[in-house]
N, C-alpha and C. Protein backbone atom coordinates (compact mmCIF):
# COMPACT_ATOMS: atom_id res chain seq x y z
N MET A 1 25.92 -169.19 -63.52
CA MET A 1 27.09 -169.76 -64.50
C MET A 1 26.39 -169.43 -66.43
N ASN A 2 27.40 -168.82 -66.40
CA ASN A 2 26.76 -168.15 -67.86
C ASN A 2 28.14 -169.04 -68.75
N ASN A 3 27.27 -170.26 -70.09
CA ASN A 3 28.41 -170.04 -71.14
C ASN A 3 29.04 -169.81 -71.77
N ASN A 4 27.74 -168.63 -72.24
CA ASN A 4 27.98 -167.38 -73.03
C ASN A 4 29.44 -166.26 -73.65
N TYR A 5 30.33 -166.86 -72.08
CA TYR A 5 31.40 -166.11 -72.34
C TYR A 5 32.31 -167.19 -73.60
N ASN A 6 34.07 -166.51 -73.37
CA ASN A 6 34.99 -166.83 -74.20
C ASN A 6 36.02 -166.78 -73.94
N TYR A 7 36.83 -167.79 -73.03
CA TYR A 7 37.83 -167.58 -72.35
C TYR A 7 39.30 -168.69 -73.07
N ILE A 8 40.37 -168.01 -72.85
CA ILE A 8 41.83 -168.04 -73.78
C ILE A 8 42.03 -169.01 -72.05
N ASP A 9 41.89 -170.62 -72.22
CA ASP A 9 42.04 -170.89 -71.30
C ASP A 9 43.24 -172.91 -71.69
N ASN A 10 44.06 -172.60 -72.69
CA ASN A 10 44.53 -172.87 -73.61
C ASN A 10 45.40 -174.56 -72.59
N GLU A 11 45.73 -174.23 -71.45
CA GLU A 11 45.94 -175.36 -70.42
C GLU A 11 45.45 -176.03 -69.74
N ASN A 12 43.44 -175.27 -69.99
CA ASN A 12 42.43 -176.26 -69.01
C ASN A 12 42.86 -176.27 -67.63
N LEU A 13 43.69 -174.52 -67.11
CA LEU A 13 43.44 -174.40 -65.95
C LEU A 13 41.59 -174.95 -64.78
N TYR A 14 41.02 -174.35 -65.63
CA TYR A 14 39.66 -174.50 -64.97
C TYR A 14 38.69 -175.12 -65.63
N THR A 15 38.64 -175.68 -66.74
CA THR A 15 38.20 -176.48 -67.16
C THR A 15 38.50 -178.34 -66.86
N TYR A 16 37.75 -178.89 -67.24
CA TYR A 16 38.31 -180.78 -68.03
C TYR A 16 38.23 -180.94 -68.98
N PRO A 17 39.65 -181.36 -69.38
CA PRO A 17 39.96 -181.08 -71.20
C PRO A 17 39.05 -181.66 -72.10
N ASN A 18 38.97 -180.90 -73.03
CA ASN A 18 37.40 -180.93 -74.22
C ASN A 18 35.93 -181.27 -73.67
N SER A 19 36.21 -180.04 -72.69
CA SER A 19 35.25 -179.92 -72.07
C SER A 19 34.85 -178.62 -71.76
N LYS A 20 33.89 -178.39 -71.51
CA LYS A 20 33.25 -176.61 -71.04
C LYS A 20 32.72 -177.13 -69.69
N VAL A 21 32.79 -177.47 -68.90
CA VAL A 21 32.20 -177.85 -67.90
C VAL A 21 34.23 -177.71 -66.50
N LEU A 22 33.39 -176.48 -65.64
CA LEU A 22 34.19 -176.36 -65.48
C LEU A 22 34.57 -177.26 -64.14
N LYS A 23 36.28 -177.27 -63.55
CA LYS A 23 36.25 -178.37 -62.86
C LYS A 23 36.01 -177.61 -61.18
N ASN A 24 35.75 -179.17 -60.11
CA ASN A 24 34.46 -178.55 -59.62
C ASN A 24 34.76 -179.44 -58.33
N ILE A 25 34.63 -179.59 -56.81
CA ILE A 25 34.30 -179.93 -55.96
C ILE A 25 34.04 -181.18 -55.87
N PRO A 26 32.96 -181.47 -55.56
CA PRO A 26 31.72 -182.41 -56.46
C PRO A 26 32.06 -183.53 -57.19
N ALA A 27 32.75 -183.08 -58.09
CA ALA A 27 33.67 -183.68 -59.58
C ALA A 27 32.19 -183.60 -60.50
N ILE A 28 31.01 -182.87 -60.91
CA ILE A 28 30.78 -183.39 -61.87
C ILE A 28 30.74 -182.89 -62.81
N ASP A 29 30.69 -183.98 -64.39
CA ASP A 29 31.03 -184.10 -64.81
C ASP A 29 30.27 -183.27 -66.20
N ASP A 30 28.57 -182.77 -66.07
CA ASP A 30 28.02 -182.63 -67.13
C ASP A 30 27.22 -180.93 -66.19
N LEU A 31 27.48 -180.88 -67.50
CA LEU A 31 26.76 -178.59 -68.01
C LEU A 31 25.84 -178.49 -66.99
N GLU A 32 24.76 -179.37 -67.59
CA GLU A 32 23.26 -178.82 -66.95
C GLU A 32 23.96 -179.50 -65.44
N LYS A 33 23.58 -180.55 -64.76
CA LYS A 33 23.78 -180.66 -63.17
C LYS A 33 24.78 -179.50 -62.86
N LEU A 34 25.56 -179.55 -63.33
CA LEU A 34 26.82 -178.05 -62.14
C LEU A 34 26.21 -177.25 -61.99
N HIS A 35 25.36 -176.46 -63.00
CA HIS A 35 24.37 -175.27 -62.71
C HIS A 35 23.49 -175.69 -62.03
N LEU A 36 23.01 -176.79 -61.71
CA LEU A 36 22.17 -176.72 -60.95
C LEU A 36 22.58 -176.97 -59.16
N THR A 37 23.23 -178.00 -59.46
CA THR A 37 24.01 -177.73 -58.17
C THR A 37 25.44 -176.78 -57.59
N GLU A 38 24.99 -175.84 -59.12
CA GLU A 38 26.13 -174.69 -58.11
C GLU A 38 24.73 -173.70 -57.36
N HIS A 39 24.28 -173.32 -58.59
CA HIS A 39 22.64 -172.46 -58.48
C HIS A 39 22.24 -172.90 -56.82
N LEU A 40 22.05 -174.36 -56.08
CA LEU A 40 21.58 -174.94 -55.32
C LEU A 40 22.92 -173.71 -54.12
N PHE A 41 23.53 -174.85 -54.06
CA PHE A 41 24.85 -174.40 -52.83
C PHE A 41 25.35 -172.80 -52.99
N VAL A 42 24.94 -172.06 -54.22
CA VAL A 42 25.37 -170.26 -53.33
C VAL A 42 24.37 -169.50 -53.07
N SER A 43 22.87 -170.55 -53.42
CA SER A 43 21.60 -169.85 -53.01
C SER A 43 21.14 -169.74 -51.64
N ASN A 44 21.69 -171.56 -50.86
CA ASN A 44 22.26 -171.40 -49.37
C ASN A 44 22.92 -170.15 -48.82
N ARG A 45 24.25 -169.92 -50.05
CA ARG A 45 25.49 -169.51 -49.06
C ARG A 45 24.66 -168.19 -48.77
N ILE A 46 24.22 -167.62 -49.90
CA ILE A 46 23.29 -166.29 -50.00
C ILE A 46 22.61 -166.14 -48.92
N ALA A 47 22.00 -167.02 -48.68
CA ALA A 47 20.69 -166.90 -47.33
C ALA A 47 21.45 -166.29 -46.28
N GLU A 48 22.36 -167.33 -46.09
CA GLU A 48 23.39 -166.89 -45.04
C GLU A 48 24.12 -166.05 -44.34
N LEU A 49 24.55 -165.13 -45.98
CA LEU A 49 24.83 -163.88 -46.24
C LEU A 49 24.10 -162.56 -45.64
N ALA A 50 22.72 -163.02 -45.57
CA ALA A 50 21.66 -162.04 -45.48
C ALA A 50 22.07 -161.84 -44.01
N GLU A 51 22.10 -163.02 -43.81
CA GLU A 51 22.30 -162.88 -42.04
C GLU A 51 23.67 -162.87 -41.44
N LYS A 52 24.32 -162.40 -41.59
CA LYS A 52 25.68 -161.77 -41.19
C LYS A 52 26.47 -161.39 -42.77
N PRO A 53 25.86 -160.47 -42.79
CA PRO A 53 26.85 -159.23 -43.97
C PRO A 53 28.50 -159.80 -44.22
N ILE A 54 28.83 -159.86 -44.74
CA ILE A 54 30.56 -159.22 -44.61
C ILE A 54 31.14 -157.99 -44.97
N LEU A 55 31.88 -157.28 -43.72
CA LEU A 55 32.11 -156.55 -44.54
C LEU A 55 32.74 -155.57 -45.43
N VAL A 56 32.61 -154.55 -45.78
CA VAL A 56 32.90 -154.77 -47.85
C VAL A 56 33.57 -153.47 -47.62
N ASN A 57 35.40 -153.36 -47.83
CA ASN A 57 36.10 -152.13 -47.60
C ASN A 57 37.07 -152.42 -48.74
N SER A 58 37.75 -152.87 -49.14
CA SER A 58 38.24 -152.98 -50.42
C SER A 58 38.34 -154.27 -51.17
N MET A 59 38.96 -154.37 -52.15
CA MET A 59 39.07 -156.83 -53.46
C MET A 59 38.68 -156.82 -52.56
N ASP A 60 39.73 -157.12 -51.07
CA ASP A 60 39.58 -157.82 -50.46
C ASP A 60 38.76 -158.69 -49.86
N SER A 61 37.56 -157.67 -49.94
CA SER A 61 36.58 -158.43 -48.93
C SER A 61 36.12 -158.69 -49.90
N ILE A 62 35.06 -157.96 -51.39
CA ILE A 62 34.71 -158.62 -52.10
C ILE A 62 35.18 -160.50 -52.20
N LYS A 63 36.84 -160.25 -52.58
CA LYS A 63 37.15 -162.12 -52.94
C LYS A 63 36.74 -162.19 -51.68
N ASP A 64 35.83 -162.40 -49.98
CA ASP A 64 35.69 -163.01 -49.36
C ASP A 64 34.73 -163.55 -49.53
N ILE A 65 34.08 -162.68 -50.18
CA ILE A 65 32.03 -163.14 -50.15
C ILE A 65 32.30 -163.72 -51.61
N HIS A 66 33.20 -163.72 -52.36
CA HIS A 66 33.38 -164.80 -53.43
C HIS A 66 33.41 -166.60 -53.00
N LYS A 67 34.97 -166.39 -52.14
CA LYS A 67 35.28 -167.49 -51.68
C LYS A 67 33.64 -168.10 -50.83
N TYR A 68 33.14 -167.38 -49.69
CA TYR A 68 32.18 -167.91 -49.43
C TYR A 68 31.53 -168.17 -50.28
N LEU A 69 30.84 -167.72 -50.64
CA LEU A 69 29.69 -168.00 -52.03
C LEU A 69 29.81 -169.43 -52.70
N PHE A 70 31.28 -169.39 -52.96
CA PHE A 70 31.41 -170.83 -53.89
C PHE A 70 32.55 -171.26 -53.14
N GLN A 71 32.55 -171.69 -52.38
CA GLN A 71 33.49 -172.62 -51.44
C GLN A 71 32.95 -174.36 -52.19
N ASP A 72 31.71 -174.56 -51.49
CA ASP A 72 31.56 -175.78 -52.11
C ASP A 72 31.88 -176.57 -53.41
N MET A 73 32.25 -175.30 -53.97
CA MET A 73 31.67 -175.67 -55.65
C MET A 73 33.23 -176.29 -55.90
N TYR A 74 34.21 -174.63 -56.34
CA TYR A 74 35.37 -174.37 -56.99
C TYR A 74 36.42 -174.32 -56.23
N THR A 75 37.42 -175.11 -55.89
CA THR A 75 38.99 -174.72 -55.13
C THR A 75 39.65 -173.28 -55.43
N TRP A 76 38.88 -172.56 -56.32
CA TRP A 76 39.49 -171.06 -56.86
C TRP A 76 39.12 -170.17 -56.17
N ALA A 77 37.86 -170.51 -55.68
CA ALA A 77 36.93 -169.39 -54.89
C ALA A 77 37.49 -168.18 -54.64
N GLY A 78 37.20 -167.29 -54.79
CA GLY A 78 37.84 -166.11 -53.94
C GLY A 78 39.27 -165.79 -54.45
N GLU A 79 39.23 -166.27 -55.33
CA GLU A 79 41.25 -165.99 -56.39
C GLU A 79 41.08 -165.42 -57.76
N TYR A 80 41.57 -163.98 -57.93
CA TYR A 80 41.18 -163.76 -59.16
C TYR A 80 41.88 -164.79 -60.33
N ARG A 81 41.02 -164.85 -61.21
CA ARG A 81 40.64 -165.81 -63.12
C ARG A 81 42.13 -165.22 -63.09
N LYS A 82 43.32 -166.55 -63.54
CA LYS A 82 44.09 -166.68 -64.04
C LYS A 82 43.95 -166.28 -65.93
N VAL A 83 42.89 -165.84 -66.05
CA VAL A 83 42.83 -166.43 -67.89
C VAL A 83 41.76 -165.27 -68.69
N ASN A 84 42.22 -165.15 -69.47
CA ASN A 84 41.51 -163.06 -69.75
C ASN A 84 39.93 -163.96 -70.52
N ILE A 85 38.94 -162.57 -70.49
CA ILE A 85 37.67 -163.21 -71.00
C ILE A 85 37.22 -162.06 -71.67
N SER A 86 36.02 -162.55 -72.94
CA SER A 86 35.27 -162.05 -73.79
C SER A 86 33.53 -162.50 -73.56
N LYS A 87 33.36 -161.92 -73.56
CA LYS A 87 31.75 -161.41 -74.13
C LYS A 87 31.48 -161.44 -75.16
N GLN A 88 30.61 -161.82 -76.13
CA GLN A 88 30.49 -160.85 -77.38
C GLN A 88 30.81 -160.38 -77.93
N GLY A 89 31.80 -160.38 -78.07
CA GLY A 89 33.30 -159.87 -78.69
C GLY A 89 33.90 -158.62 -77.34
N TYR A 90 33.30 -158.15 -76.48
CA TYR A 90 33.57 -157.24 -75.48
C TYR A 90 34.51 -158.31 -74.28
N PRO A 91 35.93 -157.61 -73.84
CA PRO A 91 36.68 -157.69 -73.57
C PRO A 91 36.57 -157.32 -71.98
N PHE A 92 36.24 -158.14 -71.04
CA PHE A 92 36.40 -157.77 -69.81
C PHE A 92 38.05 -156.92 -69.40
N MET A 93 38.55 -156.85 -68.33
CA MET A 93 39.53 -156.34 -67.90
C MET A 93 40.89 -158.15 -67.79
N ALA A 94 42.00 -157.41 -68.99
CA ALA A 94 43.06 -158.61 -68.82
C ALA A 94 43.40 -158.59 -67.17
N PHE A 95 43.34 -159.75 -66.88
CA PHE A 95 43.95 -160.39 -65.92
C PHE A 95 45.71 -159.92 -65.65
N GLN A 96 46.22 -158.68 -66.19
CA GLN A 96 47.18 -158.47 -65.47
C GLN A 96 47.15 -157.22 -65.68
N SER A 97 46.02 -156.77 -65.57
CA SER A 97 45.70 -155.35 -65.29
C SER A 97 45.17 -155.42 -64.28
N PHE A 98 44.95 -156.59 -63.66
CA PHE A 98 43.64 -156.44 -62.08
C PHE A 98 44.40 -155.31 -61.67
N PRO A 99 45.71 -155.98 -60.47
CA PRO A 99 46.65 -154.56 -59.68
C PRO A 99 46.49 -153.28 -60.13
N GLN A 100 45.56 -152.42 -61.33
CA GLN A 100 45.75 -151.14 -61.96
C GLN A 100 43.89 -151.19 -61.12
N GLY A 101 43.29 -152.32 -61.54
CA GLY A 101 41.83 -152.48 -60.83
C GLY A 101 41.63 -152.35 -59.93
N GLN A 102 43.00 -153.13 -59.10
CA GLN A 102 41.86 -153.60 -57.76
C GLN A 102 42.78 -152.27 -57.14
N GLN A 103 42.90 -151.40 -57.20
CA GLN A 103 44.24 -150.20 -56.84
C GLN A 103 42.46 -149.03 -57.10
N TYR A 104 42.80 -149.17 -58.26
CA TYR A 104 40.93 -148.30 -58.39
C TYR A 104 40.00 -148.70 -57.71
N ILE A 105 39.07 -149.58 -57.95
CA ILE A 105 38.43 -149.78 -57.32
C ILE A 105 38.49 -150.45 -55.46
N ASN A 106 39.60 -150.26 -55.59
CA ASN A 106 39.98 -149.62 -54.09
C ASN A 106 39.65 -148.14 -53.61
N GLY A 107 39.83 -147.85 -53.89
CA GLY A 107 39.27 -146.05 -54.27
C GLY A 107 38.32 -145.06 -54.51
N LEU A 108 37.44 -145.93 -54.93
CA LEU A 108 36.14 -146.20 -55.11
C LEU A 108 35.19 -146.21 -53.98
N ILE A 109 35.86 -147.57 -53.07
CA ILE A 109 34.99 -147.94 -52.67
C ILE A 109 35.29 -146.98 -51.29
N GLN A 110 36.63 -146.78 -50.95
CA GLN A 110 36.77 -145.99 -49.69
C GLN A 110 36.30 -144.97 -50.25
N GLU A 111 35.92 -143.35 -50.77
CA GLU A 111 35.19 -142.62 -51.09
C GLU A 111 34.01 -142.62 -51.06
N PHE A 112 33.73 -143.97 -50.96
CA PHE A 112 31.96 -144.67 -51.10
C PHE A 112 31.91 -144.18 -49.59
N LEU A 113 32.65 -144.78 -48.45
CA LEU A 113 32.41 -145.28 -47.26
C LEU A 113 32.13 -144.16 -46.56
N SER A 114 33.55 -143.12 -46.65
CA SER A 114 33.85 -142.23 -45.88
C SER A 114 32.76 -140.82 -46.52
N GLY A 115 32.53 -140.53 -47.08
CA GLY A 115 31.56 -140.02 -47.48
C GLY A 115 30.25 -139.54 -46.69
N ASN A 116 29.35 -138.51 -46.49
CA ASN A 116 28.31 -138.24 -46.39
C ASN A 116 27.05 -138.31 -47.17
N LEU A 117 26.65 -139.53 -47.72
CA LEU A 117 26.09 -138.94 -48.68
C LEU A 117 24.44 -138.83 -48.90
N SER A 118 23.62 -138.15 -49.60
CA SER A 118 22.47 -138.31 -49.80
C SER A 118 22.00 -139.82 -50.42
N LYS A 119 21.16 -140.18 -50.49
CA LYS A 119 20.33 -141.09 -51.72
C LYS A 119 20.64 -141.28 -52.82
N ILE A 120 20.85 -139.73 -53.66
CA ILE A 120 20.91 -140.60 -55.27
C ILE A 120 22.70 -140.15 -55.13
N GLU A 121 23.35 -139.58 -54.41
CA GLU A 121 24.94 -139.82 -54.26
C GLU A 121 24.93 -141.11 -54.07
N ILE A 122 24.74 -141.54 -53.55
CA ILE A 122 24.17 -143.47 -52.63
C ILE A 122 24.61 -144.34 -53.91
N SER A 123 23.31 -143.78 -54.62
CA SER A 123 22.94 -144.62 -56.06
C SER A 123 24.07 -144.57 -56.93
N LYS A 124 24.37 -143.44 -57.48
CA LYS A 124 25.66 -142.76 -58.54
C LYS A 124 27.17 -143.70 -57.90
N GLN A 125 27.12 -143.73 -56.86
CA GLN A 125 28.96 -143.90 -56.45
C GLN A 125 28.88 -145.76 -56.50
N LEU A 126 27.52 -145.54 -55.90
CA LEU A 126 27.19 -147.46 -55.97
C LEU A 126 26.88 -147.92 -57.52
N ALA A 127 26.38 -147.14 -58.64
CA ALA A 127 26.32 -147.69 -60.15
C ALA A 127 27.79 -148.22 -60.15
N THR A 128 28.76 -146.69 -60.40
CA THR A 128 30.29 -146.86 -60.76
C THR A 128 30.68 -147.68 -60.06
N ILE A 129 30.94 -147.70 -58.14
CA ILE A 129 31.25 -149.00 -58.52
C ILE A 129 30.66 -150.68 -58.94
N LEU A 130 29.54 -150.45 -59.16
CA LEU A 130 29.05 -152.24 -59.55
C LEU A 130 29.40 -152.14 -60.84
N ASP A 131 29.19 -150.85 -61.94
CA ASP A 131 30.21 -150.56 -63.44
C ASP A 131 31.53 -150.98 -62.97
N ASP A 132 32.47 -150.51 -63.13
CA ASP A 132 33.88 -150.87 -62.74
C ASP A 132 34.15 -152.67 -62.37
N LEU A 133 33.55 -152.70 -61.25
CA LEU A 133 33.76 -153.82 -60.98
C LEU A 133 33.30 -155.37 -62.34
N ASN A 134 32.03 -155.31 -62.81
CA ASN A 134 31.86 -155.92 -63.68
C ASN A 134 32.96 -155.48 -64.79
N HIS A 135 32.95 -154.49 -65.17
CA HIS A 135 34.54 -154.65 -66.20
C HIS A 135 35.67 -155.43 -65.71
N MET A 136 35.93 -155.64 -64.53
CA MET A 136 36.93 -156.00 -64.15
C MET A 136 36.44 -157.59 -64.24
N HIS A 137 36.18 -157.68 -63.51
CA HIS A 137 35.64 -159.69 -64.27
C HIS A 137 36.41 -160.22 -63.62
N PRO A 138 36.80 -159.98 -62.00
CA PRO A 138 37.95 -160.74 -61.47
C PRO A 138 37.79 -161.95 -61.72
N PHE A 139 36.42 -162.80 -61.34
CA PHE A 139 36.58 -164.28 -61.41
C PHE A 139 36.50 -164.51 -61.86
N ARG A 140 36.97 -166.35 -62.58
CA ARG A 140 36.66 -167.00 -63.20
C ARG A 140 34.99 -168.09 -63.39
N GLU A 141 33.99 -167.30 -63.47
CA GLU A 141 32.90 -167.67 -62.35
C GLU A 141 32.31 -166.54 -61.20
N GLY A 142 31.20 -166.31 -61.34
CA GLY A 142 30.15 -165.96 -60.01
C GLY A 142 30.57 -164.51 -60.32
N ASN A 143 31.26 -164.03 -60.93
CA ASN A 143 31.03 -162.42 -60.92
C ASN A 143 29.73 -161.92 -60.83
N GLY A 144 28.63 -161.95 -61.48
CA GLY A 144 27.20 -160.85 -60.93
C GLY A 144 26.48 -161.26 -59.66
N GLN A 145 26.81 -162.94 -58.87
CA GLN A 145 25.93 -162.94 -58.10
C GLN A 145 26.90 -162.48 -57.09
N GLY A 146 28.96 -162.53 -57.15
CA GLY A 146 30.04 -161.72 -56.13
C GLY A 146 29.04 -160.02 -55.75
N GLN A 147 29.55 -159.95 -57.59
CA GLN A 147 29.30 -157.80 -57.66
C GLN A 147 27.63 -157.96 -56.81
N ARG A 148 27.05 -158.98 -57.44
CA ARG A 148 25.45 -157.90 -56.42
C ARG A 148 25.16 -158.20 -55.04
N GLU A 149 26.31 -159.32 -54.03
CA GLU A 149 26.45 -158.95 -53.41
C GLU A 149 27.49 -157.89 -52.33
N ALA A 150 28.75 -157.56 -53.07
CA ALA A 150 28.62 -156.75 -53.03
C ALA A 150 28.99 -155.47 -52.82
N ILE A 151 27.90 -155.11 -53.22
CA ILE A 151 26.73 -153.61 -53.15
C ILE A 151 25.81 -153.35 -52.49
N ARG A 152 25.06 -154.95 -52.05
CA ARG A 152 24.22 -155.28 -51.07
C ARG A 152 25.29 -154.88 -49.84
N CYS A 153 26.28 -155.01 -49.27
CA CYS A 153 26.82 -155.44 -48.72
C CYS A 153 27.20 -153.45 -48.39
N LEU A 154 26.95 -152.86 -49.78
CA LEU A 154 28.33 -151.65 -48.92
C LEU A 154 26.27 -150.48 -48.92
N ALA A 155 25.68 -151.15 -49.32
CA ALA A 155 25.02 -150.33 -49.18
C ALA A 155 24.38 -150.02 -47.54
N LEU A 156 24.40 -151.30 -47.01
CA LEU A 156 24.02 -151.42 -45.41
C LEU A 156 25.12 -150.44 -44.68
N GLU A 157 25.92 -150.13 -45.14
CA GLU A 157 26.95 -149.81 -44.51
C GLU A 157 26.20 -147.81 -44.54
N LYS A 158 25.51 -147.75 -45.58
CA LYS A 158 24.60 -146.30 -45.56
C LYS A 158 22.91 -145.76 -44.94
N GLY A 159 22.71 -147.69 -44.57
CA GLY A 159 21.61 -147.32 -43.68
C GLY A 159 20.72 -147.90 -45.08
N TYR A 160 21.07 -148.96 -45.91
CA TYR A 160 20.19 -149.26 -47.07
C TYR A 160 19.94 -150.69 -47.18
N VAL A 161 19.02 -151.13 -47.19
CA VAL A 161 18.69 -152.16 -48.07
C VAL A 161 18.43 -152.55 -49.27
N LEU A 162 19.40 -153.16 -50.54
CA LEU A 162 18.68 -152.99 -52.20
C LEU A 162 19.28 -154.73 -51.72
N GLU A 163 18.47 -154.93 -52.92
CA GLU A 163 18.31 -156.65 -53.52
C GLU A 163 18.14 -156.59 -55.01
N LEU A 164 19.18 -156.75 -55.58
CA LEU A 164 19.33 -156.32 -56.80
C LEU A 164 18.66 -157.57 -57.65
N ASN A 165 17.75 -158.74 -56.54
CA ASN A 165 17.38 -160.06 -57.95
C ASN A 165 16.75 -160.52 -56.86
N PRO A 166 15.19 -159.45 -56.27
CA PRO A 166 14.04 -159.92 -55.59
C PRO A 166 13.48 -160.75 -56.57
N ALA A 167 13.38 -162.22 -55.10
CA ALA A 167 12.64 -163.04 -56.08
C ALA A 167 10.55 -163.06 -56.81
N ASP A 168 10.61 -161.30 -56.31
CA ASP A 168 9.48 -161.37 -56.80
C ASP A 168 9.14 -160.15 -57.50
N LYS A 169 10.28 -159.71 -58.11
CA LYS A 169 10.59 -157.85 -58.82
C LYS A 169 11.50 -158.97 -59.78
N GLU A 170 11.04 -159.48 -61.13
CA GLU A 170 11.97 -159.95 -61.99
C GLU A 170 12.58 -158.13 -62.71
N GLU A 171 11.51 -157.47 -62.99
CA GLU A 171 12.55 -156.52 -64.04
C GLU A 171 13.42 -155.99 -63.28
N VAL A 172 13.48 -156.09 -62.15
CA VAL A 172 15.04 -154.91 -61.28
C VAL A 172 15.67 -155.80 -62.15
N TYR A 173 15.92 -157.77 -61.43
CA TYR A 173 16.88 -157.76 -62.35
C TYR A 173 17.51 -157.67 -63.76
N LYS A 174 15.98 -157.74 -64.78
CA LYS A 174 16.52 -157.14 -65.96
C LYS A 174 17.12 -155.93 -66.03
N ALA A 175 16.47 -154.47 -65.59
CA ALA A 175 17.47 -153.30 -65.63
C ALA A 175 18.74 -153.80 -64.74
N TYR A 176 18.99 -154.36 -63.98
CA TYR A 176 20.70 -154.76 -63.50
C TYR A 176 21.23 -155.11 -64.71
N MET A 177 20.95 -156.39 -65.18
CA MET A 177 21.63 -157.20 -66.04
C MET A 177 21.53 -156.34 -67.35
N ASP A 178 20.78 -155.37 -68.19
CA ASP A 178 20.74 -154.15 -68.76
C ASP A 178 21.27 -153.63 -69.19
N GLY A 179 21.85 -152.64 -67.42
CA GLY A 179 22.95 -151.93 -67.05
C GLY A 179 24.54 -152.26 -66.86
N VAL A 180 24.85 -153.54 -66.56
CA VAL A 180 25.66 -153.96 -66.75
C VAL A 180 26.35 -154.43 -68.04
N ILE A 181 25.68 -155.03 -68.71
CA ILE A 181 25.82 -155.57 -69.93
C ILE A 181 26.30 -154.41 -70.71
N HIS A 182 25.65 -153.64 -70.76
CA HIS A 182 25.57 -151.63 -72.08
C HIS A 182 26.31 -150.90 -70.91
N SER A 183 26.97 -151.72 -69.87
CA SER A 183 28.10 -150.16 -69.31
C SER A 183 27.17 -148.66 -68.92
N ASN A 184 26.02 -149.08 -68.60
CA ASN A 184 24.75 -148.16 -68.69
C ASN A 184 25.06 -147.20 -67.27
N LEU A 185 24.82 -146.44 -66.89
CA LEU A 185 25.37 -146.15 -65.47
C LEU A 185 23.95 -145.45 -65.58
N GLU A 186 23.65 -144.59 -66.49
CA GLU A 186 22.34 -144.07 -66.14
C GLU A 186 21.19 -145.10 -65.36
N LEU A 187 21.29 -146.20 -65.98
CA LEU A 187 20.41 -147.16 -66.19
C LEU A 187 20.57 -148.14 -64.50
N LEU A 188 22.04 -147.67 -64.05
CA LEU A 188 22.48 -148.52 -62.66
C LEU A 188 22.13 -147.54 -61.38
N GLU A 189 22.25 -146.35 -61.83
CA GLU A 189 21.99 -145.13 -60.57
C GLU A 189 19.96 -145.43 -60.92
N LYS A 190 19.08 -145.44 -61.43
CA LYS A 190 18.09 -145.63 -61.41
C LYS A 190 17.66 -146.90 -61.63
N VAL A 191 18.28 -148.28 -60.94
CA VAL A 191 17.08 -149.48 -61.05
C VAL A 191 18.26 -149.42 -59.19
N ILE A 192 18.92 -148.55 -58.69
CA ILE A 192 19.74 -148.62 -57.43
C ILE A 192 19.02 -148.11 -56.57
N PHE A 193 18.75 -146.80 -57.48
CA PHE A 193 18.08 -145.60 -56.86
C PHE A 193 15.94 -146.02 -55.68
N GLU A 194 15.94 -146.34 -57.56
CA GLU A 194 14.71 -146.95 -56.95
C GLU A 194 14.28 -148.46 -55.93
N ASN A 195 15.26 -148.87 -55.95
CA ASN A 195 15.25 -150.39 -55.06
C ASN A 195 16.38 -149.79 -53.50
N LEU A 196 16.76 -149.05 -53.14
CA LEU A 196 17.60 -148.76 -51.86
C LEU A 196 16.28 -148.10 -50.90
N ALA A 197 16.61 -149.04 -49.74
CA ALA A 197 15.15 -148.90 -48.83
C ALA A 197 15.48 -148.22 -47.23
N PRO A 198 15.21 -147.57 -47.13
CA PRO A 198 15.88 -148.22 -45.73
C PRO A 198 16.16 -148.98 -44.77
N LEU A 199 17.21 -149.38 -43.43
CA LEU A 199 16.92 -150.38 -43.29
C LEU A 199 16.11 -149.91 -41.95
């Protein structure tokens, strides 16, 4: 959970009134406790998906991943956000443009799946998908976890293991974050290439 975002949510679609706390299934009203509970539940769901990954072939698959990860926390898990988001002055895609964004990313995913790609080409295409998915930022919360799992599942389709948040390599996660925050495709390609491991 990242609290540095700005949201236009005048009707409190996602938060309790006069609060930054997201409405949640456990009915937690403390921000820190919500963060810890979310981390616990989502970590368990990520471990489950490690054993039984979801086949990613479209944005609908990415919605399925998000729903699986956050099913214990939010009733809107797996649903596109209905508010606009910015972070540090950078606006993510307006939700009104999601139909076009979905169509574009679906095309990127199909191109990736259908191609006979080298490791370098896999890295380049995954970096592009990741960058565009991050710009779309389709969910109210949990975009990072969802996009990393989606990219991991796509790498599996090409015979590679990819972990962008390994427990023993903090520098990998930092490079990934720098890449998505600054839309740095060269850095994303590098961190993906260096962490693709054959099955």
